[in-house]
Amino acid sequence: MANNAPVENLRDGRLQAAIWANTGAESKTFHSVTLTRSYKEEGGDWKETSQLNKADLLRAANLLTQAYCVFRRK
């Protein structure tokens, strides 16, 4: 069974950077990151988007810097 969970999650408020391990050619592992922002719809349901607004940018940059440090350890 494949592991579909990120190897690490980094959070800052409603922003999340998820780090994924993937297997490529010759069974070499490489890592990627997805950056998402959570928000609540009018009906009260929580959703995620990859769209960021101006207020998210500094926090996103900080999360991506942290993700870079995680990549360097792997």
PDB file of N, CA and C in Angstrom:
ATOM      1  N   MET A   1       0.830  -1.168   0.000  1.00  0.00           N
ATOM      2  CA  MET A   1       0.000   0.000   0.000  1.00  0.00           C
ATOM      3  C   MET A   1       0.884   1.243   0.000  1.00  0.00           C
ATOM      4  N   ALA A   2       0.593   2.217  -0.834  1.00  0.00           N
ATOM      5  CA  ALA A   2       1.400   3.421  -0.957  1.00  0.00           C
ATOM      6  C   ALA A   2       1.090   4.375   0.193  1.00  0.00           C
ATOM      7  N   ASN A   3       2.122   5.090   0.613  1.00  0.00           N
ATOM      8  CA  ASN A   3       1.958   6.093   1.662  1.00  0.00           C
ATOM      9  C   ASN A   3       1.608   7.416   0.999  1.00  0.00           C
ATOM     10  N   ASN A   4       0.378   7.889   1.199  1.00  0.00           N
ATOM     11  CA  ASN A   4      -0.075   9.123   0.574  1.00  0.00           C
ATOM     12  C   ASN A   4      -0.021  10.304   1.523  1.00  0.00           C
ATOM     13  N   ALA A   5       0.665  10.161   2.632  1.00  0.00           N
ATOM     14  CA  ALA A   5       0.780  11.249   3.601  1.00  0.00           C
ATOM     15  C   ALA A   5       2.087  11.999   3.373  1.00  0.00           C
ATOM     16  N   PRO A   6       2.083  13.299   3.632  1.00  0.00           N
ATOM     17  CA  PRO A   6       3.336  14.047   3.529  1.00  0.00           C
ATOM     18  C   PRO A   6       4.333  13.551   4.575  1.00  0.00           C
ATOM     19  N   VAL A   7       5.613  13.680   4.268  1.00  0.00           N
ATOM     20  CA  VAL A   7       6.639  13.281   5.238  1.00  0.00           C
ATOM     21  C   VAL A   7       6.786  14.325   6.332  1.00  0.00           C
ATOM     22  N   GLU A   8       6.350  15.558   6.046  1.00  0.00           N
ATOM     23  CA  GLU A   8       6.385  16.609   7.058  1.00  0.00           C
ATOM     24  C   GLU A   8       5.398  17.705   6.667  1.00  0.00           C
ATOM     25  N   ASN A   9       4.758  18.297   7.671  1.00  0.00           N
ATOM     26  CA  ASN A   9       3.865  19.438   7.488  1.00  0.00           C
ATOM     27  C   ASN A   9       4.401  20.610   8.285  1.00  0.00           C
ATOM     28  N   LEU A  10       4.476  21.751   7.640  1.00  0.00           N
ATOM     29  CA  LEU A  10       4.882  22.983   8.308  1.00  0.00           C
ATOM     30  C   LEU A  10       3.687  23.921   8.266  1.00  0.00           C
ATOM     31  N   ARG A  11       3.372  24.578   9.391  1.00  0.00           N
ATOM     32  CA  ARG A  11       2.200  25.446   9.454  1.00  0.00           C
ATOM     33  C   ARG A  11       2.560  26.811   9.999  1.00  0.00           C
ATOM     34  N   ASP A  12       1.817  27.794   9.507  1.00  0.00           N
ATOM     35  CA  ASP A  12       1.843  29.149  10.059  1.00  0.00           C
ATOM     36  C   ASP A  12       0.436  29.701   9.882  1.00  0.00           C
ATOM     37  N   GLY A  13      -0.340  29.674  10.945  1.00  0.00           N
ATOM     38  CA  GLY A  13      -1.724  30.114  10.846  1.00  0.00           C
ATOM     39  C   GLY A  13      -2.496  29.233   9.878  1.00  0.00           C
ATOM     40  N   ARG A  14      -3.093  29.866   8.877  1.00  0.00           N
ATOM     41  CA  ARG A  14      -3.883  29.121   7.889  1.00  0.00           C
ATOM     42  C   ARG A  14      -3.063  28.616   6.709  1.00  0.00           C
ATOM     43  N   LEU A  15      -1.768  28.889   6.707  1.00  0.00           N
ATOM     44  CA  LEU A  15      -0.897  28.407   5.626  1.00  0.00           C
ATOM     45  C   LEU A  15      -0.252  27.089   6.027  1.00  0.00           C
ATOM     46  N   GLN A  16      -0.078  26.220   5.038  1.00  0.00           N
ATOM     47  CA  GLN A  16       0.573  24.937   5.277  1.00  0.00           C
ATOM     48  C   GLN A  16       1.490  24.604   4.111  1.00  0.00           C
ATOM     49  N   ALA A  17       2.698  24.178   4.438  1.00  0.00           N
ATOM     50  CA  ALA A  17       3.630  23.644   3.443  1.00  0.00           C
ATOM     51  C   ALA A  17       3.762  22.154   3.738  1.00  0.00           C
ATOM     52  N   ALA A  18       3.334  21.322   2.804  1.00  0.00           N
ATOM     53  CA  ALA A  18       3.420  19.868   2.955  1.00  0.00           C
ATOM     54  C   ALA A  18       4.581  19.371   2.108  1.00  0.00           C
ATOM     55  N   ILE A  19       5.457  18.586   2.716  1.00  0.00           N
ATOM     56  CA  ILE A  19       6.625  18.040   2.022  1.00  0.00           C
ATOM     57  C   ILE A  19       6.346  16.578   1.705  1.00  0.00           C
ATOM     58  N   TRP A  20       6.522  16.234   0.438  1.00  0.00           N
ATOM     59  CA  TRP A  20       6.208  14.896  -0.073  1.00  0.00           C
ATOM     60  C   TRP A  20       7.471  14.198  -0.541  1.00  0.00           C
ATOM     61  N   ALA A  21       7.557  12.898  -0.313  1.00  0.00           N
ATOM     62  CA  ALA A  21       8.637  12.070  -0.850  1.00  0.00           C
ATOM     63  C   ALA A  21       8.069  11.296  -2.033  1.00  0.00           C
ATOM     64  N   ASN A  22       8.790  11.339  -3.139  1.00  0.00           N
ATOM     65  CA  ASN A  22       8.372  10.648  -4.361  1.00  0.00           C
ATOM     66  C   ASN A  22       9.524   9.793  -4.854  1.00  0.00           C
ATOM     67  N   THR A  23       9.191   8.725  -5.565  1.00  0.00           N
ATOM     68  CA  THR A  23      10.213   7.853  -6.127  1.00  0.00           C
ATOM     69  C   THR A  23      10.254   8.060  -7.627  1.00  0.00           C
ATOM     70  N   GLY A  24      11.444   8.345  -8.135  1.00  0.00           N
ATOM     71  CA  GLY A  24      11.624   8.593  -9.553  1.00  0.00           C
ATOM     72  C   GLY A  24      12.365   7.451 -10.214  1.00  0.00           C
ATOM     73  N   ALA A  25      13.018   7.775 -11.320  1.00  0.00           N
ATOM     74  CA  ALA A  25      13.788   6.787 -12.078  1.00  0.00           C
ATOM     75  C   ALA A  25      14.849   6.152 -11.201  1.00  0.00           C
ATOM     76  N   GLU A  26      15.089   4.888 -11.442  1.00  0.00           N
ATOM     77  CA  GLU A  26      16.092   4.115 -10.707  1.00  0.00           C
ATOM     78  C   GLU A  26      15.828   4.112  -9.201  1.00  0.00           C
ATOM     79  N   SER A  27      14.567   4.232  -8.826  1.00  0.00           N
ATOM     80  CA  SER A  27      14.133   4.202  -7.421  1.00  0.00           C
ATOM     81  C   SER A  27      14.776   5.285  -6.559  1.00  0.00           C
ATOM     82  N   LYS A  28      15.160   6.400  -7.173  1.00  0.00           N
ATOM     83  CA  LYS A  28      15.720   7.511  -6.402  1.00  0.00           C
ATOM     84  C   LYS A  28      14.587   8.331  -5.805  1.00  0.00           C
ATOM     85  N   THR A  29      14.753   8.726  -4.555  1.00  0.00           N
ATOM     86  CA  THR A  29      13.739   9.527  -3.877  1.00  0.00           C
ATOM     87  C   THR A  29      14.021  11.006  -4.113  1.00  0.00           C
ATOM     88  N   PHE A  30      12.962  11.735  -4.436  1.00  0.00           N
ATOM     89  CA  PHE A  30      13.057  13.189  -4.513  1.00  0.00           C
ATOM     90  C   PHE A  30      11.894  13.762  -3.736  1.00  0.00           C
ATOM     91  N   HIS A  31      12.010  15.021  -3.351  1.00  0.00           N
ATOM     92  CA  HIS A  31      10.996  15.650  -2.524  1.00  0.00           C
ATOM     93  C   HIS A  31      10.388  16.840  -3.247  1.00  0.00           C
ATOM     94  N   SER A  32       9.128  17.101  -2.934  1.00  0.00           N
ATOM     95  CA  SER A  32       8.438  18.271  -3.470  1.00  0.00           C
ATOM     96  C   SER A  32       7.622  18.896  -2.346  1.00  0.00           C
ATOM     97  N   VAL A  33       7.136  20.101  -2.584  1.00  0.00           N
ATOM     98  CA  VAL A  33       6.359  20.803  -1.564  1.00  0.00           C
ATOM     99  C   VAL A  33       5.098  21.384  -2.190  1.00  0.00           C
ATOM    100  N   THR A  34       4.000  21.324  -1.446  1.00  0.00           N
ATOM    101  CA  THR A  34       2.772  22.015  -1.841  1.00  0.00           C
ATOM    102  C   THR A  34       2.470  23.046  -0.765  1.00  0.00           C
ATOM    103  N   LEU A  35       2.063  24.226  -1.208  1.00  0.00           N
ATOM    104  CA  LEU A  35       1.739  25.320  -0.307  1.00  0.00           C
ATOM    105  C   LEU A  35       0.252  25.616  -0.447  1.00  0.00           C
ATOM    106  N   THR A  36      -0.487  25.556   0.656  1.00  0.00           N
ATOM    107  CA  THR A  36      -1.922  25.801   0.618  1.00  0.00           C
ATOM    108  C   THR A  36      -2.328  26.767   1.729  1.00  0.00           C
ATOM    109  N   ARG A  37      -3.470  27.403   1.515  1.00  0.00           N
ATOM    110  CA  ARG A  37      -4.075  28.292   2.511  1.00  0.00           C
ATOM    111  C   ARG A  37      -5.484  27.796   2.779  1.00  0.00           C
ATOM    112  N   SER A  38      -5.832  27.638   4.039  1.00  0.00           N
ATOM    113  CA  SER A  38      -7.184  27.228   4.429  1.00  0.00           C
ATOM    114  C   SER A  38      -8.062  28.462   4.558  1.00  0.00           C
ATOM    115  N   TYR A  39      -9.335  28.293   4.224  1.00  0.00           N
ATOM    116  CA  TYR A  39     -10.303  29.379   4.385  1.00  0.00           C
ATOM    117  C   TYR A  39     -11.674  28.764   4.644  1.00  0.00           C
ATOM    118  N   LYS A  40     -12.549  29.564   5.235  1.00  0.00           N
ATOM    119  CA  LYS A  40     -13.888  29.096   5.562  1.00  0.00           C
ATOM    120  C   LYS A  40     -14.890  29.722   4.605  1.00  0.00           C
ATOM    121  N   GLU A  41     -15.710  28.878   3.984  1.00  0.00           N
ATOM    122  CA  GLU A  41     -16.770  29.361   3.088  1.00  0.00           C
ATOM    123  C   GLU A  41     -17.909  29.966   3.903  1.00  0.00           C
ATOM    124  N   GLU A  42     -18.794  30.669   3.206  1.00  0.00           N
ATOM    125  CA  GLU A  42     -19.942  31.286   3.877  1.00  0.00           C
ATOM    126  C   GLU A  42     -20.774  30.263   4.646  1.00  0.00           C
ATOM    127  N   GLY A  43     -20.878  29.060   4.118  1.00  0.00           N
ATOM    128  CA  GLY A  43     -21.650  28.008   4.775  1.00  0.00           C
ATOM    129  C   GLY A  43     -20.958  27.401   5.984  1.00  0.00           C
ATOM    130  N   GLY A  44     -19.714  27.793   6.242  1.00  0.00           N
ATOM    131  CA  GLY A  44     -18.977  27.294   7.402  1.00  0.00           C
ATOM    132  C   GLY A  44     -18.029  26.156   7.107  1.00  0.00           C
ATOM    133  N   ASP A  45     -18.017  25.644   5.856  1.00  0.00           N
ATOM    134  CA  ASP A  45     -17.114  24.546   5.490  1.00  0.00           C
ATOM    135  C   ASP A  45     -15.706  25.080   5.249  1.00  0.00           C
ATOM    136  N   TRP A  46     -14.715  24.332   5.728  1.00  0.00           N
ATOM    137  CA  TRP A  46     -13.316  24.687   5.493  1.00  0.00           C
ATOM    138  C   TRP A  46     -12.864  24.141   4.145  1.00  0.00           C
ATOM    139  N   LYS A  47     -12.140  24.938   3.400  1.00  0.00           N
ATOM    140  CA  LYS A  47     -11.592  24.577   2.083  1.00  0.00           C
ATOM    141  C   LYS A  47     -10.118  24.944   2.052  1.00  0.00           C
ATOM    142  N   GLU A  48      -9.414  24.463   1.023  1.00  0.00           N
ATOM    143  CA  GLU A  48      -8.011  24.828   0.804  1.00  0.00           C
ATOM    144  C   GLU A  48      -7.843  25.374  -0.601  1.00  0.00           C
ATOM    145  N   THR A  49      -6.898  26.295  -0.742  1.00  0.00           N
ATOM    146  CA  THR A  49      -6.576  26.876  -2.039  1.00  0.00           C
ATOM    147  C   THR A  49      -5.071  27.074  -2.138  1.00  0.00           C
ATOM    148  N   SER A  50      -4.589  27.141  -3.355  1.00  0.00           N
ATOM    149  CA  SER A  50      -3.175  27.470  -3.572  1.00  0.00           C
ATOM    150  C   SER A  50      -3.006  28.958  -3.847  1.00  0.00           C
ATOM    151  N   GLN A  51      -4.103  29.690  -3.890  1.00  0.00           N
ATOM    152  CA  GLN A  51      -4.036  31.132  -4.123  1.00  0.00           C
ATOM    153  C   GLN A  51      -3.749  31.856  -2.813  1.00  0.00           C
ATOM    154  N   LEU A  52      -2.782  32.760  -2.863  1.00  0.00           N
ATOM    155  CA  LEU A  52      -2.396  33.527  -1.689  1.00  0.00           C
ATOM    156  C   LEU A  52      -2.744  34.985  -1.906  1.00  0.00           C
ATOM    157  N   ASN A  53      -2.982  35.691  -0.825  1.00  0.00           N
ATOM    158  CA  ASN A  53      -3.190  37.123  -0.950  1.00  0.00           C
ATOM    159  C   ASN A  53      -1.960  37.860  -0.412  1.00  0.00           C
ATOM    160  N   LYS A  54      -1.972  39.160  -0.526  1.00  0.00           N
ATOM    161  CA  LYS A  54      -0.818  39.974  -0.144  1.00  0.00           C
ATOM    162  C   LYS A  54      -0.388  39.717   1.302  1.00  0.00           C
ATOM    163  N   ALA A  55      -1.339  39.562   2.191  1.00  0.00           N
ATOM    164  CA  ALA A  55      -1.021  39.362   3.602  1.00  0.00           C
ATOM    165  C   ALA A  55      -0.363  38.006   3.879  1.00  0.00           C
ATOM    166  N   ASP A  56      -0.473  37.057   2.956  1.00  0.00           N
ATOM    167  CA  ASP A  56       0.097  35.715   3.140  1.00  0.00           C
ATOM    168  C   ASP A  56       1.554  35.620   2.710  1.00  0.00           C
ATOM    169  N   LEU A  57       2.039  36.564   1.928  1.00  0.00           N
ATOM    170  CA  LEU A  57       3.309  36.381   1.232  1.00  0.00           C
ATOM    171  C   LEU A  57       4.516  36.238   2.151  1.00  0.00           C
ATOM    172  N   LEU A  58       4.634  37.050   3.179  1.00  0.00           N
ATOM    173  CA  LEU A  58       5.793  36.946   4.064  1.00  0.00           C
ATOM    174  C   LEU A  58       5.775  35.628   4.826  1.00  0.00           C
ATOM    175  N   ARG A  59       4.594  35.240   5.314  1.00  0.00           N
ATOM    176  CA  ARG A  59       4.475  33.961   6.020  1.00  0.00           C
ATOM    177  C   ARG A  59       4.769  32.794   5.081  1.00  0.00           C
ATOM    178  N   ALA A  60       4.322  32.887   3.829  1.00  0.00           N
ATOM    179  CA  ALA A  60       4.594  31.830   2.845  1.00  0.00           C
ATOM    180  C   ALA A  60       6.091  31.728   2.585  1.00  0.00           C
ATOM    181  N   ALA A  61       6.753  32.870   2.460  1.00  0.00           N
ATOM    182  CA  ALA A  61       8.207  32.868   2.236  1.00  0.00           C
ATOM    183  C   ALA A  61       8.918  32.200   3.408  1.00  0.00           C
ATOM    184  N   ASN A  62       8.461  32.464   4.623  1.00  0.00           N
ATOM    185  CA  ASN A  62       9.054  31.844   5.802  1.00  0.00           C
ATOM    186  C   ASN A  62       8.850  30.330   5.787  1.00  0.00           C
ATOM    187  N   LEU A  63       7.650  29.882   5.447  1.00  0.00           N
ATOM    188  CA  LEU A  63       7.386  28.442   5.368  1.00  0.00           C
ATOM    189  C   LEU A  63       8.248  27.772   4.303  1.00  0.00           C
ATOM    190  N   LEU A  64       8.399  28.428   3.159  1.00  0.00           N
ATOM    191  CA  LEU A  64       9.218  27.851   2.088  1.00  0.00           C
ATOM    192  C   LEU A  64      10.687  27.802   2.479  1.00  0.00           C
ATOM    193  N   THR A  65      11.151  28.770   3.247  1.00  0.00           N
ATOM    194  CA  THR A  65      12.518  28.729   3.769  1.00  0.00           C
ATOM    195  C   THR A  65      12.687  27.543   4.711  1.00  0.00           C
ATOM    196  N   GLN A  66      11.703  27.334   5.569  1.00  0.00           N
ATOM    197  CA  GLN A  66      11.745  26.174   6.469  1.00  0.00           C
ATOM    198  C   GLN A  66      11.737  24.865   5.677  1.00  0.00           C
ATOM    199  N   ALA A  67      10.920  24.802   4.626  1.00  0.00           N
ATOM    200  CA  ALA A  67      10.874  23.594   3.785  1.00  0.00           C
ATOM    201  C   ALA A  67      12.221  23.354   3.125  1.00  0.00           C
ATOM    202  N   TYR A  68      12.875  24.413   2.686  1.00  0.00           N
ATOM    203  CA  TYR A  68      14.198  24.290   2.079  1.00  0.00           C
ATOM    204  C   TYR A  68      15.181  23.667   3.076  1.00  0.00           C
ATOM    205  N   CYS A  69      15.108  24.083   4.331  1.00  0.00           N
ATOM    206  CA  CYS A  69      15.983  23.516   5.359  1.00  0.00           C
ATOM    207  C   CYS A  69      15.696  22.041   5.569  1.00  0.00           C
ATOM    208  N   VAL A  70      14.435  21.641   5.497  1.00  0.00           N
ATOM    209  CA  VAL A  70      14.071  20.232   5.606  1.00  0.00           C
ATOM    210  C   VAL A  70      14.661  19.456   4.439  1.00  0.00           C
ATOM    211  N   PHE A  71      14.558  19.990   3.219  1.00  0.00           N
ATOM    212  CA  PHE A  71      15.131  19.325   2.034  1.00  0.00           C
ATOM    213  C   PHE A  71      16.625  19.104   2.198  1.00  0.00           C
ATOM    214  N   ARG A  72      17.304  20.067   2.751  1.00  0.00           N
ATOM    215  CA  ARG A  72      18.765  19.967   2.916  1.00  0.00           C
ATOM    216  C   ARG A  72      19.141  18.856   3.879  1.00  0.00           C
ATOM    217  N   ARG A  73      18.257  18.535   4.827  1.00  0.00           N
ATOM    218  CA  ARG A  73      18.532  17.451   5.783  1.00  0.00           C
ATOM    219  C   ARG A  73      18.329  16.082   5.159  1.00  0.00           C
ATOM    220  N   LYS A  74      17.522  16.002   4.110  1.00  0.00           N
ATOM    221  CA  LYS A  74      17.161  14.704   3.525  1.00  0.00           C
ATOM    222  C   LYS A  74      18.168  14.252   2.494  1.00  0.00           C
TER     223      LYS A  74
END
